[in-house]
Amino acid sequence: MEKKFIKISIFPLFAIVIFFVAGLFIAHGMLAPGAVASEKSAKPEFKGKIAKTYEESEEWWPKKKRPPKNAPNVIIFLLDDVGFV
């Protein structure tokens, strides 16, 4: 009886491992420093005044974050399980 060997490419497995490891590094902010928000940037210091009544209080709102002046507009459409065969 002749033994048959199945040829298996290791490239798909290698690609999955690489993407998994890269995802771990990105999730922990090691590959993209600054991509993960620190607590200081997530919650700016309140610069208003809190008093016992609203007439004595002073409201304060942080500045809205805006993209750089020449930043491109990017839209990503992700279609999953839409029924196409």
PDB file of N, CA and C in Angstrom:
ATOM      1  N   MET A   1       0.843  -1.177   0.000  1.00  0.00           N
ATOM      2  CA  MET A   1       0.000   0.000   0.000  1.00  0.00           C
ATOM      3  C   MET A   1       0.889   1.241   0.000  1.00  0.00           C
ATOM      4  N   GLU A   2       0.545   2.166  -0.833  1.00  0.00           N
ATOM      5  CA  GLU A   2       1.357   3.372  -1.004  1.00  0.00           C
ATOM      6  C   GLU A   2       0.877   4.470  -0.055  1.00  0.00           C
ATOM      7  N   LYS A   3       1.805   5.119   0.628  1.00  0.00           N
ATOM      8  CA  LYS A   3       1.457   6.209   1.536  1.00  0.00           C
ATOM      9  C   LYS A   3       1.287   7.494   0.743  1.00  0.00           C
ATOM     10  N   LYS A   4       0.219   8.219   1.033  1.00  0.00           N
ATOM     11  CA  LYS A   4      -0.031   9.496   0.367  1.00  0.00           C
ATOM     12  C   LYS A   4       0.147  10.617   1.382  1.00  0.00           C
ATOM     13  N   PHE A   5       0.865  11.613   0.976  1.00  0.00           N
ATOM     14  CA  PHE A   5       1.082  12.778   1.825  1.00  0.00           C
ATOM     15  C   PHE A   5       0.284  13.959   1.279  1.00  0.00           C
ATOM     16  N   ILE A   6      -0.317  14.664   2.168  1.00  0.00           N
ATOM     17  CA  ILE A   6      -1.073  15.847   1.769  1.00  0.00           C
ATOM     18  C   ILE A   6      -0.147  17.050   1.884  1.00  0.00           C
ATOM     19  N   LYS A   7      -0.066  17.801   0.797  1.00  0.00           N
ATOM     20  CA  LYS A   7       0.753  19.012   0.815  1.00  0.00           C
ATOM     21  C   LYS A   7      -0.050  20.123   1.476  1.00  0.00           C
ATOM     22  N   ILE A   8       0.490  20.666   2.529  1.00  0.00           N
ATOM     23  CA  ILE A   8      -0.166  21.770   3.232  1.00  0.00           C
ATOM     24  C   ILE A   8       0.765  22.969   3.197  1.00  0.00           C
ATOM     25  N   SER A   9       0.218  24.057   2.720  1.00  0.00           N
ATOM     26  CA  SER A   9       1.005  25.282   2.693  1.00  0.00           C
ATOM     27  C   SER A   9       0.975  25.912   4.086  1.00  0.00           C
ATOM     28  N   ILE A  10       2.139  26.317   4.561  1.00  0.00           N
ATOM     29  CA  ILE A  10       2.184  26.932   5.887  1.00  0.00           C
ATOM     30  C   ILE A  10       1.981  28.441   5.819  1.00  0.00           C
ATOM     31  N   PHE A  11       1.860  28.988   4.594  1.00  0.00           N
ATOM     32  CA  PHE A  11       1.711  30.439   4.469  1.00  0.00           C
ATOM     33  C   PHE A  11       0.445  30.954   5.157  1.00  0.00           C
ATOM     34  N   PRO A  12      -0.741  30.336   4.964  1.00  0.00           N
ATOM     35  CA  PRO A  12      -1.927  30.865   5.660  1.00  0.00           C
ATOM     36  C   PRO A  12      -1.772  30.856   7.181  1.00  0.00           C
ATOM     37  N   LEU A  13      -1.203  29.790   7.709  1.00  0.00           N
ATOM     38  CA  LEU A  13      -0.990  29.725   9.158  1.00  0.00           C
ATOM     39  C   LEU A  13       0.002  30.791   9.605  1.00  0.00           C
ATOM     40  N   PHE A  14       1.063  30.979   8.847  1.00  0.00           N
ATOM     41  CA  PHE A  14       2.068  31.992   9.156  1.00  0.00           C
ATOM     42  C   PHE A  14       1.436  33.390   9.135  1.00  0.00           C
ATOM     43  N   ALA A  15       0.585  33.651   8.141  1.00  0.00           N
ATOM     44  CA  ALA A  15      -0.067  34.960   8.035  1.00  0.00           C
ATOM     45  C   ALA A  15      -0.989  35.198   9.227  1.00  0.00           C
ATOM     46  N   ILE A  16      -1.726  34.178   9.645  1.00  0.00           N
ATOM     47  CA  ILE A  16      -2.621  34.321  10.791  1.00  0.00           C
ATOM     48  C   ILE A  16      -1.831  34.635  12.059  1.00  0.00           C
ATOM     49  N   VAL A  17      -0.719  33.953  12.255  1.00  0.00           N
ATOM     50  CA  VAL A  17       0.112  34.197  13.443  1.00  0.00           C
ATOM     51  C   VAL A  17       0.668  35.619  13.423  1.00  0.00           C
ATOM     52  N   ILE A  18       1.149  36.061  12.261  1.00  0.00           N
ATOM     53  CA  ILE A  18       1.708  37.422  12.140  1.00  0.00           C
ATOM     54  C   ILE A  18       0.642  38.462  12.454  1.00  0.00           C
ATOM     55  N   PHE A  19      -0.568  38.316  11.883  1.00  0.00           N
ATOM     56  CA  PHE A  19      -1.633  39.282  12.150  1.00  0.00           C
ATOM     57  C   PHE A  19      -2.064  39.250  13.610  1.00  0.00           C
ATOM     58  N   PHE A  20      -2.090  38.084  14.211  1.00  0.00           N
ATOM     59  CA  PHE A  20      -2.461  37.972  15.624  1.00  0.00           C
ATOM     60  C   PHE A  20      -1.443  38.700  16.504  1.00  0.00           C
ATOM     61  N   VAL A  21      -0.169  38.466  16.265  1.00  0.00           N
ATOM     62  CA  VAL A  21       0.884  39.109  17.067  1.00  0.00           C
ATOM     63  C   VAL A  21       0.866  40.623  16.845  1.00  0.00           C
ATOM     64  N   ALA A  22       0.704  41.053  15.585  1.00  0.00           N
ATOM     65  CA  ALA A  22       0.639  42.490  15.311  1.00  0.00           C
ATOM     66  C   ALA A  22      -0.567  43.115  16.010  1.00  0.00           C
ATOM     67  N   GLY A  23      -1.694  42.406  16.033  1.00  0.00           N
ATOM     68  CA  GLY A  23      -2.881  42.911  16.721  1.00  0.00           C
ATOM     69  C   GLY A  23      -2.648  43.073  18.209  1.00  0.00           C
ATOM     70  N   LEU A  24      -1.917  42.138  18.806  1.00  0.00           N
ATOM     71  CA  LEU A  24      -1.595  42.266  20.228  1.00  0.00           C
ATOM     72  C   LEU A  24      -0.739  43.496  20.494  1.00  0.00           C
ATOM     73  N   PHE A  25       0.267  43.713  19.631  1.00  0.00           N
ATOM     74  CA  PHE A  25       1.128  44.880  19.809  1.00  0.00           C
ATOM     75  C   PHE A  25       0.337  46.176  19.628  1.00  0.00           C
ATOM     76  N   ILE A  26      -0.543  46.218  18.643  1.00  0.00           N
ATOM     77  CA  ILE A  26      -1.330  47.431  18.409  1.00  0.00           C
ATOM     78  C   ILE A  26      -2.277  47.669  19.577  1.00  0.00           C
ATOM     79  N   ALA A  27      -2.896  46.596  20.085  1.00  0.00           N
ATOM     80  CA  ALA A  27      -3.831  46.738  21.198  1.00  0.00           C
ATOM     81  C   ALA A  27      -3.151  47.284  22.445  1.00  0.00           C
ATOM     82  N   HIS A  28      -1.888  46.973  22.630  1.00  0.00           N
ATOM     83  CA  HIS A  28      -1.167  47.453  23.810  1.00  0.00           C
ATOM     84  C   HIS A  28      -0.399  48.737  23.531  1.00  0.00           C
ATOM     85  N   GLY A  29      -0.543  49.293  22.329  1.00  0.00           N
ATOM     86  CA  GLY A  29       0.079  50.570  22.005  1.00  0.00           C
ATOM     87  C   GLY A  29       1.569  50.491  21.749  1.00  0.00           C
ATOM     88  N   MET A  30       2.091  49.301  21.455  1.00  0.00           N
ATOM     89  CA  MET A  30       3.530  49.167  21.232  1.00  0.00           C
ATOM     90  C   MET A  30       3.917  49.484  19.794  1.00  0.00           C
ATOM     91  N   LEU A  31       3.032  49.207  18.831  1.00  0.00           N
ATOM     92  CA  LEU A  31       3.359  49.489  17.436  1.00  0.00           C
ATOM     93  C   LEU A  31       2.968  50.902  17.033  1.00  0.00           C
ATOM     94  N   ALA A  32       1.932  51.413  17.627  1.00  0.00           N
ATOM     95  CA  ALA A  32       1.455  52.740  17.263  1.00  0.00           C
ATOM     96  C   ALA A  32       1.375  53.606  18.515  1.00  0.00           C
ATOM     97  N   PRO A  33       2.531  54.124  18.986  1.00  0.00           N
ATOM     98  CA  PRO A  33       2.469  54.959  20.178  1.00  0.00           C
ATOM     99  C   PRO A  33       1.624  56.196  19.916  1.00  0.00           C
ATOM    100  N   GLY A  34       0.791  56.538  20.847  1.00  0.00           N
ATOM    101  CA  GLY A  34      -0.095  57.674  20.671  1.00  0.00           C
ATOM    102  C   GLY A  34      -1.459  57.271  20.153  1.00  0.00           C
ATOM    103  N   ALA A  35      -1.571  56.069  19.597  1.00  0.00           N
ATOM    104  CA  ALA A  35      -2.862  55.616  19.100  1.00  0.00           C
ATOM    105  C   ALA A  35      -3.782  55.251  20.257  1.00  0.00           C
ATOM    106  N   VAL A  36      -3.207  54.773  21.342  1.00  0.00           N
ATOM    107  CA  VAL A  36      -3.990  54.453  22.523  1.00  0.00           C
ATOM    108  C   VAL A  36      -4.025  55.696  23.396  1.00  0.00           C
ATOM    109  N   ALA A  37      -5.230  56.153  23.703  1.00  0.00           N
ATOM    110  CA  ALA A  37      -5.368  57.397  24.466  1.00  0.00           C
ATOM    111  C   ALA A  37      -4.952  57.181  25.914  1.00  0.00           C
ATOM    112  N   SER A  38      -4.209  58.120  26.418  1.00  0.00           N
ATOM    113  CA  SER A  38      -3.859  58.057  27.833  1.00  0.00           C
ATOM    114  C   SER A  38      -5.005  58.672  28.636  1.00  0.00           C
ATOM    115  N   GLU A  39      -5.006  58.435  29.929  1.00  0.00           N
ATOM    116  CA  GLU A  39      -6.087  58.966  30.756  1.00  0.00           C
ATOM    117  C   GLU A  39      -6.097  60.479  30.778  1.00  0.00           C
ATOM    118  N   LYS A  40      -4.927  61.098  30.697  1.00  0.00           N
ATOM    119  CA  LYS A  40      -4.866  62.555  30.740  1.00  0.00           C
ATOM    120  C   LYS A  40      -5.510  63.162  29.497  1.00  0.00           C
ATOM    121  N   SER A  41      -5.252  62.574  28.320  1.00  0.00           N
ATOM    122  CA  SER A  41      -5.842  63.120  27.110  1.00  0.00           C
ATOM    123  C   SER A  41      -7.312  62.745  26.994  1.00  0.00           C
ATOM    124  N   ALA A  42      -7.737  61.659  27.633  1.00  0.00           N
ATOM    125  CA  ALA A  42      -9.131  61.239  27.549  1.00  0.00           C
ATOM    126  C   ALA A  42     -10.024  62.143  28.405  1.00  0.00           C
ATOM    127  N   LYS A  43      -9.537  62.606  29.535  1.00  0.00           N
ATOM    128  CA  LYS A  43     -10.332  63.445  30.423  1.00  0.00           C
ATOM    129  C   LYS A  43      -9.578  64.745  30.715  1.00  0.00           C
ATOM    130  N   PRO A  44      -9.882  65.819  29.963  1.00  0.00           N
ATOM    131  CA  PRO A  44      -9.179  67.080  30.232  1.00  0.00           C
ATOM    132  C   PRO A  44      -9.610  67.670  31.575  1.00  0.00           C
ATOM    133  N   GLU A  45      -8.744  68.461  32.114  1.00  0.00           N
ATOM    134  CA  GLU A  45      -9.019  69.090  33.412  1.00  0.00           C
ATOM    135  C   GLU A  45     -10.184  70.070  33.279  1.00  0.00           C
ATOM    136  N   PHE A  46     -11.105  70.005  34.226  1.00  0.00           N
ATOM    137  CA  PHE A  46     -12.265  70.894  34.210  1.00  0.00           C
ATOM    138  C   PHE A  46     -11.833  72.295  34.621  1.00  0.00           C
ATOM    139  N   LYS A  47     -12.160  73.289  33.766  1.00  0.00           N
ATOM    140  CA  LYS A  47     -11.725  74.659  34.034  1.00  0.00           C
ATOM    141  C   LYS A  47     -12.889  75.582  34.367  1.00  0.00           C
ATOM    142  N   GLY A  48     -14.049  74.998  34.626  1.00  0.00           N
ATOM    143  CA  GLY A  48     -15.208  75.801  35.005  1.00  0.00           C
ATOM    144  C   GLY A  48     -15.270  75.969  36.514  1.00  0.00           C
ATOM    145  N   LYS A  49     -16.411  76.421  36.984  1.00  0.00           N
ATOM    146  CA  LYS A  49     -16.594  76.612  38.420  1.00  0.00           C
ATOM    147  C   LYS A  49     -17.897  75.933  38.832  1.00  0.00           C
ATOM    148  N   ILE A  50     -17.821  75.079  39.847  1.00  0.00           N
ATOM    149  CA  ILE A  50     -19.011  74.405  40.353  1.00  0.00           C
ATOM    150  C   ILE A  50     -19.395  75.067  41.675  1.00  0.00           C
ATOM    151  N   ALA A  51     -20.614  75.582  41.718  1.00  0.00           N
ATOM    152  CA  ALA A  51     -21.100  76.267  42.928  1.00  0.00           C
ATOM    153  C   ALA A  51     -22.383  75.594  43.395  1.00  0.00           C
ATOM    154  N   LYS A  52     -22.970  76.150  44.440  1.00  0.00           N
ATOM    155  CA  LYS A  52     -24.194  75.554  44.985  1.00  0.00           C
ATOM    156  C   LYS A  52     -25.398  75.801  44.088  1.00  0.00           C
ATOM    157  N   THR A  53     -25.421  76.899  43.363  1.00  0.00           N
ATOM    158  CA  THR A  53     -26.534  77.177  42.449  1.00  0.00           C
ATOM    159  C   THR A  53     -25.990  77.344  41.034  1.00  0.00           C
ATOM    160  N   TYR A  54     -26.876  77.189  40.050  1.00  0.00           N
ATOM    161  CA  TYR A  54     -26.405  77.310  38.672  1.00  0.00           C
ATOM    162  C   TYR A  54     -26.076  78.746  38.296  1.00  0.00           C
ATOM    163  N   GLU A  55     -26.666  79.723  39.009  1.00  0.00           N
ATOM    164  CA  GLU A  55     -26.333  81.112  38.707  1.00  0.00           C
ATOM    165  C   GLU A  55     -24.883  81.436  39.069  1.00  0.00           C
ATOM    166  N   GLU A  56     -24.382  80.825  40.128  1.00  0.00           N
ATOM    167  CA  GLU A  56     -23.008  81.071  40.571  1.00  0.00           C
ATOM    168  C   GLU A  56     -21.991  80.201  39.825  1.00  0.00           C
ATOM    169  N   SER A  57     -22.461  79.127  39.215  1.00  0.00           N
ATOM    170  CA  SER A  57     -21.551  78.211  38.512  1.00  0.00           C
ATOM    171  C   SER A  57     -21.158  78.776  37.158  1.00  0.00           C
ATOM    172  N   GLU A  58     -20.003  78.351  36.675  1.00  0.00           N
ATOM    173  CA  GLU A  58     -19.536  78.753  35.348  1.00  0.00           C
ATOM    174  C   GLU A  58     -19.299  77.493  34.536  1.00  0.00           C
ATOM    175  N   GLU A  59     -19.939  77.426  33.365  1.00  0.00           N
ATOM    176  CA  GLU A  59     -19.767  76.245  32.531  1.00  0.00           C
ATOM    177  C   GLU A  59     -18.466  76.321  31.737  1.00  0.00           C
ATOM    178  N   TRP A  60     -17.992  75.176  31.382  1.00  0.00           N
ATOM    179  CA  TRP A  60     -16.775  75.087  30.571  1.00  0.00           C
ATOM    180  C   TRP A  60     -16.848  73.821  29.749  1.00  0.00           C
ATOM    181  N   TRP A  61     -16.556  73.920  28.470  1.00  0.00           N
ATOM    182  CA  TRP A  61     -16.539  72.773  27.579  1.00  0.00           C
ATOM    183  C   TRP A  61     -15.166  72.682  26.928  1.00  0.00           C
ATOM    184  N   PRO A  62     -14.583  71.474  26.851  1.00  0.00           N
ATOM    185  CA  PRO A  62     -13.280  71.348  26.178  1.00  0.00           C
ATOM    186  C   PRO A  62     -13.430  71.608  24.686  1.00  0.00           C
ATOM    187  N   LYS A  63     -12.345  72.042  24.063  1.00  0.00           N
ATOM    188  CA  LYS A  63     -12.373  72.280  22.621  1.00  0.00           C
ATOM    189  C   LYS A  63     -12.592  70.964  21.891  1.00  0.00           C
ATOM    190  N   LYS A  64     -13.391  71.022  20.834  1.00  0.00           N
ATOM    191  CA  LYS A  64     -13.642  69.825  20.038  1.00  0.00           C
ATOM    192  C   LYS A  64     -12.388  69.453  19.260  1.00  0.00           C
ATOM    193  N   LYS A  65     -12.130  68.158  19.175  1.00  0.00           N
ATOM    194  CA  LYS A  65     -10.973  67.692  18.422  1.00  0.00           C
ATOM    195  C   LYS A  65     -11.299  67.771  16.935  1.00  0.00           C
ATOM    196  N   ARG A  66     -10.391  68.336  16.187  1.00  0.00           N
ATOM    197  CA  ARG A  66     -10.559  68.483  14.744  1.00  0.00           C
ATOM    198  C   ARG A  66      -9.398  67.781  14.036  1.00  0.00           C
ATOM    199  N   PRO A  67      -9.632  67.244  12.858  1.00  0.00           N
ATOM    200  CA  PRO A  67      -8.525  66.647  12.101  1.00  0.00           C
ATOM    201  C   PRO A  67      -7.614  67.747  11.556  1.00  0.00           C
ATOM    202  N   PRO A  68      -6.391  67.386  11.174  1.00  0.00           N
ATOM    203  CA  PRO A  68      -5.504  68.393  10.574  1.00  0.00           C
ATOM    204  C   PRO A  68      -6.141  69.011   9.321  1.00  0.00           C
ATOM    205  N   LYS A  69      -5.646  70.166   8.921  1.00  0.00           N
ATOM    206  CA  LYS A  69      -6.261  70.932   7.841  1.00  0.00           C
ATOM    207  C   LYS A  69      -6.388  70.136   6.535  1.00  0.00           C
ATOM    208  N   ASN A  70      -5.367  69.427   6.112  1.00  0.00           N
ATOM    209  CA  ASN A  70      -5.401  68.716   4.839  1.00  0.00           C
ATOM    210  C   ASN A  70      -5.630  67.218   5.014  1.00  0.00           C
ATOM    211  N   ALA A  71      -6.293  66.809   6.076  1.00  0.00           N
ATOM    212  CA  ALA A  71      -6.541  65.384   6.315  1.00  0.00           C
ATOM    213  C   ALA A  71      -7.555  64.860   5.295  1.00  0.00           C
ATOM    214  N   PRO A  72      -7.326  63.656   4.761  1.00  0.00           N
ATOM    215  CA  PRO A  72      -8.267  63.112   3.771  1.00  0.00           C
ATOM    216  C   PRO A  72      -9.539  62.605   4.451  1.00  0.00           C
ATOM    217  N   ASN A  73     -10.630  62.647   3.708  1.00  0.00           N
ATOM    218  CA  ASN A  73     -11.883  62.060   4.175  1.00  0.00           C
ATOM    219  C   ASN A  73     -11.874  60.606   3.747  1.00  0.00           C
ATOM    220  N   VAL A  74     -12.009  59.691   4.687  1.00  0.00           N
ATOM    221  CA  VAL A  74     -11.947  58.263   4.391  1.00  0.00           C
ATOM    222  C   VAL A  74     -13.221  57.602   4.892  1.00  0.00           C
ATOM    223  N   ILE A  75     -13.842  56.833   4.011  1.00  0.00           N
ATOM    224  CA  ILE A  75     -15.019  56.061   4.382  1.00  0.00           C
ATOM    225  C   ILE A  75     -14.710  54.605   4.087  1.00  0.00           C
ATOM    226  N   ILE A  76     -14.947  53.739   5.068  1.00  0.00           N
ATOM    227  CA  ILE A  76     -14.702  52.310   4.899  1.00  0.00           C
ATOM    228  C   ILE A  76     -16.044  51.599   4.962  1.00  0.00           C
ATOM    229  N   PHE A  77     -16.369  50.856   3.911  1.00  0.00           N
ATOM    230  CA  PHE A  77     -17.573  50.038   3.887  1.00  0.00           C
ATOM    231  C   PHE A  77     -17.157  48.599   4.106  1.00  0.00           C
ATOM    232  N   LEU A  78     -17.667  47.988   5.148  1.00  0.00           N
ATOM    233  CA  LEU A  78     -17.382  46.590   5.435  1.00  0.00           C
ATOM    234  C   LEU A  78     -18.677  45.808   5.302  1.00  0.00           C
ATOM    235  N   LEU A  79     -18.721  44.946   4.284  1.00  0.00           N
ATOM    236  CA  LEU A  79     -19.914  44.131   4.041  1.00  0.00           C
ATOM    237  C   LEU A  79     -19.585  42.709   4.480  1.00  0.00           C
ATOM    238  N   ASP A  80     -20.402  42.183   5.370  1.00  0.00           N
ATOM    239  CA  ASP A  80     -20.177  40.823   5.857  1.00  0.00           C
ATOM    240  C   ASP A  80     -21.503  40.080   5.834  1.00  0.00           C
ATOM    241  N   ASP A  81     -21.494  38.891   5.289  1.00  0.00           N
ATOM    242  CA  ASP A  81     -22.690  38.052   5.197  1.00  0.00           C
ATOM    243  C   ASP A  81     -23.863  38.779   4.555  1.00  0.00           C
ATOM    244  N   VAL A  82     -23.617  39.342   3.376  1.00  0.00           N
ATOM    245  CA  VAL A  82     -24.688  40.071   2.674  1.00  0.00           C
ATOM    246  C   VAL A  82     -25.475  39.178   1.730  1.00  0.00           C
ATOM    247  N   GLY A  83     -25.106  37.904   1.652  1.00  0.00           N
ATOM    248  CA  GLY A  83     -25.894  36.970   0.877  1.00  0.00           C
ATOM    249  C   GLY A  83     -25.391  36.708  -0.521  1.00  0.00           C
ATOM    250  N   PHE A  84     -24.296  37.302  -0.927  1.00  0.00           N
ATOM    251  CA  PHE A  84     -23.748  37.013  -2.251  1.00  0.00           C
ATOM    252  C   PHE A  84     -23.088  35.661  -2.258  1.00  0.00           C
ATOM    253  N   VAL A  85     -23.229  34.947  -3.368  1.00  0.00           N
ATOM    254  CA  VAL A  85     -22.633  33.613  -3.463  1.00  0.00           C
ATOM    255  C   VAL A  85     -21.367  33.679  -4.266  1.00  0.00           C
TER     256      VAL A  85
END
